C-alpha atoms as a PDB file:
ATOM      1  CA  MET A   1       0.158  -0.166  -0.082  1.00  0.00           C
ATOM      2  CA  ASN A   2       1.785   3.656  -0.701  1.00  0.00           C
ATOM      3  CA  TYR A   3       0.463   6.736   0.346  1.00  0.00           C
ATOM      4  CA  GLN A   4      -1.966   7.374  -2.295  1.00  0.00           C
ATOM      5  CA  GLU A   5      -4.177   3.890  -1.634  1.00  0.00           C
ATOM      6  CA  ALA A   6      -3.703   5.061   2.003  1.00  0.00           C
ATOM      7  CA  GLN A   7      -6.090   8.549   0.872  1.00  0.00           C
ATOM      8  CA  GLU A   8      -8.250   6.394  -0.882  1.00  0.00           C
ATOM      9  CA  LYS A   9      -9.208   3.870   2.024  1.00  0.00           C
ATOM     10  CA  LEU A  10      -9.725   6.899   4.170  1.00  0.00           C
ATOM     11  CA  THR A  11     -12.151   8.589   1.395  1.00  0.00           C
ATOM     12  CA  ASN A  12     -14.171   5.748   0.941  1.00  0.00           C
ATOM     13  CA  ASN A  13     -14.377   4.375   4.625  1.00  0.00           C
ATOM     14  CA  ASP A  14     -12.503   1.428   3.714  1.00  0.00           C
ATOM     15  CA  PHE A  15     -11.317  -0.110   7.018  1.00  0.00           C
ATOM     16  CA  LEU A  16     -12.547  -1.725  10.408  1.00  0.00           C
ATOM     17  CA  PHE A  17      -9.892   0.477  12.092  1.00  0.00           C
ATOM     18  CA  HIS A  18      -7.665   3.143  11.348  1.00  0.00           C
ATOM     19  CA  TYR A  19      -4.794   4.464  13.783  1.00  0.00           C
ATOM     20  CA  SER A  20      -2.315   7.991  12.815  1.00  0.00           C
ATOM     21  CA  TYR A  21       0.330   9.081  14.496  1.00  0.00           C
ATOM     22  CA  HIS A  22       2.332  12.197  12.970  1.00  0.00           C
ATOM     23  CA  PRO A  23       4.813  13.396  15.151  1.00  0.00           C
ATOM     24  CA  GLY A  24       5.424  17.027  16.129  1.00  0.00           C
ATOM     25  CA  PHE A  25       9.161  18.259  16.627  1.00  0.00           C
ATOM     26  CA  VAL A  26      10.394  14.890  18.713  1.00  0.00           C
ATOM     27  CA  PRO A  27      13.155  12.816  17.937  1.00  0.00           C
ATOM     28  CA  LYS A  28      11.817  10.042  16.629  1.00  0.00           C
ATOM     29  CA  LEU A  29      10.382  11.385  13.605  1.00  0.00           C
ATOM     30  CA  CYS A  30       8.073   8.170  12.685  1.00  0.00           C
ATOM     31  CA  THR A  31       4.744   8.812  11.103  1.00  0.00           C
ATOM     32  CA  GLN A  32       2.460   5.917  11.758  1.00  0.00           C
ATOM     33  CA  THR A  33      -0.741   4.926   9.635  1.00  0.00           C
ATOM     34  CA  LEU A  34      -2.445   1.731  10.310  1.00  0.00           C
ATOM     35  CA  PHE A  35      -5.559   0.178   8.283  1.00  0.00           C
ATOM     36  CA  ILE A  36      -7.143  -2.626   9.819  1.00  0.00           C
ATOM     37  CA  SER A  37      -9.383  -4.616   7.220  1.00  0.00           C
ATOM     38  CA  GLN A  38     -13.027  -6.136   8.126  1.00  0.00           C
ATOM     39  CA  GLU A  39     -10.614  -9.789   7.827  1.00  0.00           C
ATOM     40  CA  LEU A  40      -8.410  -8.242  10.616  1.00  0.00           C
ATOM     41  CA  ASN A  41      -5.590  -7.758   8.103  1.00  0.00           C
ATOM     42  CA  PHE A  42      -3.413  -5.331   8.664  1.00  0.00           C
ATOM     43  CA  ASP A  43      -1.653  -2.389   6.307  1.00  0.00           C
ATOM     44  CA  LEU A  44       0.980  -0.170   8.040  1.00  0.00           C
ATOM     45  CA  ILE A  45       3.109   2.879   6.649  1.00  0.00           C
ATOM     46  CA  LEU A  46       6.227   4.077   8.481  1.00  0.00           C
ATOM     47  CA  ASN A  47       7.403   7.026   7.381  1.00  0.00           C
ATOM     48  CA  PHE A  48      10.645   8.273   9.026  1.00  0.00           C
ATOM     49  CA  HIS A  49      14.052   9.476   8.303  1.00  0.00           C
ATOM     50  CA  GLU A  50      17.330   8.182   8.763  1.00  0.00           C
ATOM     51  CA  LYS A  51      19.214  11.352  10.483  1.00  0.00           C
ATOM     52  CA  ASP A  52      18.388  12.551  13.548  1.00  0.00           C
ATOM     53  CA  LEU A  53      16.306  15.446  14.485  1.00  0.00           C
ATOM     54  CA  ASN A  54      19.334  17.467  15.710  1.00  0.00           C
ATOM     55  CA  GLU A  55      21.067  17.361  12.113  1.00  0.00           C
ATOM     56  CA  PHE A  56      17.542  17.841  10.007  1.00  0.00           C
ATOM     57  CA  ALA A  57      17.422  21.272  12.122  1.00  0.00           C
ATOM     58  CA  GLN A  58      20.897  22.416  11.393  1.00  0.00           C
ATOM     59  CA  ILE A  59      20.105  21.748   7.657  1.00  0.00           C
ATOM     60  CA  GLN A  60      17.384  23.861   7.807  1.00  0.00           C
ATOM     61  CA  LYS A  61      18.945  26.616   9.390  1.00  0.00           C
ATOM     62  CA  ASN A  62      22.133  26.961   6.751  1.00  0.00           C
ATOM     63  CA  LYS A  63      20.871  25.329   3.278  1.00  0.00           C
ATOM     64  CA  SER A  64      18.174  26.973   0.752  1.00  0.00           C
ATOM     65  CA  LYS A  65      15.062  25.510   0.514  1.00  0.00           C
ATOM     66  CA  GLU A  66      16.000  23.151  -2.362  1.00  0.00           C
ATOM     67  CA  GLU A  67      18.879  21.806  -0.534  1.00  0.00           C
ATOM     68  CA  VAL A  68      16.255  21.033   2.333  1.00  0.00           C
ATOM     69  CA  GLU A  69      14.273  19.708   0.148  1.00  0.00           C
ATOM     70  CA  ASP A  70      16.788  17.696  -1.520  1.00  0.00           C
ATOM     71  CA  TYR A  71      17.897  16.263   2.044  1.00  0.00           C
ATOM     72  CA  ILE A  72      14.464  15.164   2.928  1.00  0.00           C
ATOM     73  CA  LYS A  73      14.369  13.241  -0.359  1.00  0.00           C
ATOM     74  CA  ASN A  74      17.360  11.501   0.274  1.00  0.00           C
ATOM     75  CA  ASN A  75      17.181  10.618   3.639  1.00  0.00           C
ATOM     76  CA  ARG A  76      13.126   9.617   3.945  1.00  0.00           C
ATOM     77  CA  ARG A  77      12.539   5.933   4.707  1.00  0.00           C
ATOM     78  CA  GLU A  78       9.003   4.503   4.050  1.00  0.00           C
ATOM     79  CA  LEU A  79       8.068   0.867   5.016  1.00  0.00           C
ATOM     80  CA  TYR A  80       4.773  -0.689   4.265  1.00  0.00           C
ATOM     81  CA  LEU A  81       4.093  -4.191   6.001  1.00  0.00           C
ATOM     82  CA  SER A  82       0.896  -6.424   5.366  1.00  0.00           C
ATOM     83  CA  SER A  83      -0.119  -9.334   7.705  1.00  0.00           C
ATOM     84  CA  LYS A  84      -2.569 -10.432   9.809  1.00  0.00           C
ATOM     85  CA  ILE A  85      -3.344  -8.489  12.910  1.00  0.00           C
ATOM     86  CA  PRO A  86      -1.822 -10.039  16.508  1.00  0.00           C
ATOM     87  CA  LYS A  87      -4.172 -11.995  18.325  1.00  0.00           C
ATOM     88  CA  PRO A  88      -4.257  -9.379  21.359  1.00  0.00           C
ATOM     89  CA  ILE A  89      -5.545  -6.197  19.479  1.00  0.00           C
ATOM     90  CA  ARG A  90      -7.747  -8.952  17.230  1.00  0.00           C
ATOM     91  CA  ASN A  91      -9.344  -9.905  20.764  1.00  0.00           C
ATOM     92  CA  LYS A  92      -9.853  -6.712  21.845  1.00  0.00           C
ATOM     93  CA  LEU A  93     -11.776  -5.476  18.144  1.00  0.00           C
ATOM     94  CA  SER A  94     -13.409  -8.299  18.320  1.00  0.00           C
ATOM     95  CA  GLU A  95     -14.584  -7.432  21.746  1.00  0.00           C
ATOM     96  CA  LEU A  96     -15.408  -3.817  20.743  1.00  0.00           C
ATOM     97  CA  LEU A  97     -17.574  -5.081  17.530  1.00  0.00           C
ATOM     98  CA  LYS A  98     -19.534  -7.366  19.680  1.00  0.00           C
ATOM     99  CA  ASN A  99     -20.635  -5.232  21.958  1.00  0.00           C
ATOM    100  CA  SER A 100     -22.688  -1.743  22.090  1.00  0.00           C
ATOM    101  CA  PHE A 101     -20.186   0.626  21.456  1.00  0.00           C
ATOM    102  CA  GLU A 102     -20.527   4.491  22.917  1.00  0.00           C
ATOM    103  CA  LEU A 103     -18.557   7.515  22.603  1.00  0.00           C
ATOM    104  CA  LYS A 104     -18.657  11.344  23.365  1.00  0.00           C
ATOM    105  CA  GLU A 105     -18.543  13.915  20.823  1.00  0.00           C
ATOM    106  CA  THR A 106     -15.528  15.411  22.270  1.00  0.00           C
ATOM    107  CA  TYR A 107     -12.441  13.958  24.784  1.00  0.00           C
ATOM    108  CA  ILE A 108     -10.925  17.450  24.467  1.00  0.00           C
ATOM    109  CA  ASP A 109      -9.809  19.524  27.400  1.00  0.00           C
ATOM    110  CA  ASN A 110     -10.391  22.834  26.578  1.00  0.00           C
ATOM    111  CA  SER A 111      -8.547  24.111  29.556  1.00  0.00           C
ATOM    112  CA  LYS A 112      -5.733  23.268  27.959  1.00  0.00           C
ATOM    113  CA  ASN A 113      -4.416  25.969  25.274  1.00  0.00           C
ATOM    114  CA  GLU A 114      -0.765  26.311  25.856  1.00  0.00           C
ATOM    115  CA  TYR A 115       1.966  25.547  23.221  1.00  0.00           C
ATOM    116  CA  SER A 116       4.293  22.817  23.480  1.00  0.00           C
ATOM    117  CA  PRO A 117       6.135  20.846  21.019  1.00  0.00           C
ATOM    118  CA  GLU A 118       3.903  17.715  21.371  1.00  0.00           C
ATOM    119  CA  GLY A 119       0.837  20.421  20.319  1.00  0.00           C
ATOM    120  CA  VAL A 120       1.970  20.286  16.596  1.00  0.00           C
ATOM    121  CA  SER A 121       1.698  16.503  16.588  1.00  0.00           C
ATOM    122  CA  HIS A 122      -1.447  14.548  15.839  1.00  0.00           C
ATOM    123  CA  LYS A 123      -2.922  11.314  16.501  1.00  0.00           C
ATOM    124  CA  SER A 124      -6.216  10.072  15.945  1.00  0.00           C
ATOM    125  CA  SER A 125      -8.045   7.052  15.510  1.00  0.00           C
ATOM    126  CA  ILE A 126     -11.143   6.371  13.772  1.00  0.00           C
ATOM    127  CA  LEU A 127     -13.587   2.851  14.083  1.00  0.00           C
ATOM    128  CA  ASN A 128     -16.397   1.904  12.060  1.00  0.00           C
ATOM    129  CA  HIS A 129     -18.633   0.069  14.359  1.00  0.00           C
ATOM    130  CA  GLU A 130     -22.300  -1.041  13.004  1.00  0.00           C
ATOM    131  CA  GLN A 131     -23.467   1.676  15.283  1.00  0.00           C
ATOM    132  CA  GLY A 132     -21.261   4.287  13.392  1.00  0.00           C
ATOM    133  CA  SER A 133     -18.280   5.617  12.489  1.00  0.00           C
ATOM    134  CA  TYR A 134     -16.441   7.139  15.159  1.00  0.00           C
ATOM    135  CA  SER A 135     -13.342   9.228  14.954  1.00  0.00           C
ATOM    136  CA  ILE A 136     -11.350  10.608  17.848  1.00  0.00           C
ATOM    137  CA  ASP A 137      -8.457  13.184  18.400  1.00  0.00           C
ATOM    138  CA  LEU A 138      -6.006  11.516  20.413  1.00  0.00           C
ATOM    139  CA  GLY A 139      -3.559  14.436  20.587  1.00  0.00           C
ATOM    140  CA  TYR A 140      -2.547  17.118  23.101  1.00  0.00           C
ATOM    141  CA  SER A 141      -5.672  18.226  24.536  1.00  0.00           C
ATOM    142  CA  PHE A 142      -7.183  14.530  24.420  1.00  0.00           C
ATOM    143  CA  ASN A 143      -8.188  14.165  28.270  1.00  0.00           C
ATOM    144  CA  LYS A 144      -8.449  10.472  28.930  1.00  0.00           C
ATOM    145  CA  GLU A 145     -10.347  11.170  32.213  1.00  0.00           C
ATOM    146  CA  LEU A 146     -13.276  12.073  30.470  1.00  0.00           C
ATOM    147  CA  MET A 147     -13.381   8.514  29.475  1.00  0.00           C
ATOM    148  CA  ASN A 148     -15.678   6.937  32.116  1.00  0.00           C
ATOM    149  CA  ASN A 149     -17.882   4.052  30.359  1.00  0.00           C
ATOM    150  CA  ALA A 150     -17.092   0.486  29.677  1.00  0.00           C
ATOM    151  CA  SER A 151     -16.973   1.565  25.744  1.00  0.00           C
ATOM    152  CA  GLU A 152     -14.520   4.270  26.182  1.00  0.00           C
ATOM    153  CA  GLU A 153     -12.060   1.953  28.515  1.00  0.00           C
ATOM    154  CA  ASN A 154     -12.101  -0.970  26.128  1.00  0.00           C
ATOM    155  CA  PHE A 155     -11.489   1.809  23.138  1.00  0.00           C
ATOM    156  CA  MET A 156      -8.695   3.227  25.034  1.00  0.00           C
ATOM    157  CA  ASP A 157      -7.387  -0.434  25.542  1.00  0.00           C
ATOM    158  CA  LEU A 158      -7.508  -1.100  22.271  1.00  0.00           C
ATOM    159  CA  ILE A 159      -5.436   2.258  21.504  1.00  0.00           C
ATOM    160  CA  ASN A 160      -2.983   1.506  24.165  1.00  0.00           C
ATOM    161  CA  LEU A 161      -2.354  -1.885  22.628  1.00  0.00           C
ATOM    162  CA  VAL A 162      -1.680  -0.473  19.344  1.00  0.00           C
ATOM    163  CA  GLU A 163       0.600   2.056  20.393  1.00  0.00           C
ATOM    164  CA  HIS A 164       2.819  -0.140  22.145  1.00  0.00           C
ATOM    165  CA  TRP A 165       2.758  -2.682  18.783  1.00  0.00           C
ATOM    166  CA  LEU A 166       3.489   0.755  16.651  1.00  0.00           C
ATOM    167  CA  LYS A 167       6.219   1.357  18.868  1.00  0.00           C
ATOM    168  CA  ASN A 168       7.785  -2.034  19.245  1.00  0.00           C
ATOM    169  CA  ILE A 169       7.815  -2.589  15.242  1.00  0.00           C
ATOM    170  CA  SER A 170       8.949   1.252  14.427  1.00  0.00           C
ATOM    171  CA  ASP A 171      11.554   1.298  17.120  1.00  0.00           C
ATOM    172  CA  ASP A 172      13.003  -2.434  15.965  1.00  0.00           C
ATOM    173  CA  LEU A 173      12.819  -1.203  12.106  1.00  0.00           C
ATOM    174  CA  MET A 174      14.181   2.325  12.801  1.00  0.00           C
ATOM    175  CA  LYS A 175      17.374   1.000  14.075  1.00  0.00           C
ATOM    176  CA  TYR A 176      18.501  -0.866  10.944  1.00  0.00           C
ATOM    177  CA  TYR A 177      18.777   2.537   8.784  1.00  0.00           C
ATOM    178  CA  ILE A 178      19.191   5.291  11.878  1.00  0.00           C
ATOM    179  CA  GLU A 179      22.589   6.365  12.094  1.00  0.00           C
ATOM    180  CA  GLU A 180      24.567   6.907  15.003  1.00  0.00           C
END
């Protein structure tokens, strides 16, 4: 699956579950885009840079726009993985789908309006349940304390499983590319 196919999946709502993480300015610049199909198979795109953030920041300060774009092009890596989703995630997703599902309209904490580096990152999830499609922004202003029913707790369990799995995959694969 490439970026164009991922955009088509989103547009056509052609998935059971979607998780997306686009980092802000953090040392691990790795974008994660995950789709899980009705058959509980996954497509994953990992997009990252081989160079560390400090080197990238120096390039941006000292080079022309063309040189920065060339640097990005030559140091960006995209990895595509497809397979069956791991059993713990399959089980949790199946459990969510078997039961009635209820989420609030929003989980944004409006009291947080200070700027932080994490504030420029974006993390979101979409679940297509028989009761409807549920999209949740899990970014900086997300307040987990607003989740208090069984559906919400099970949903957060799923998110935690997915994030842990993606962190392990990305850490393991990136170590073969990143220069130390």
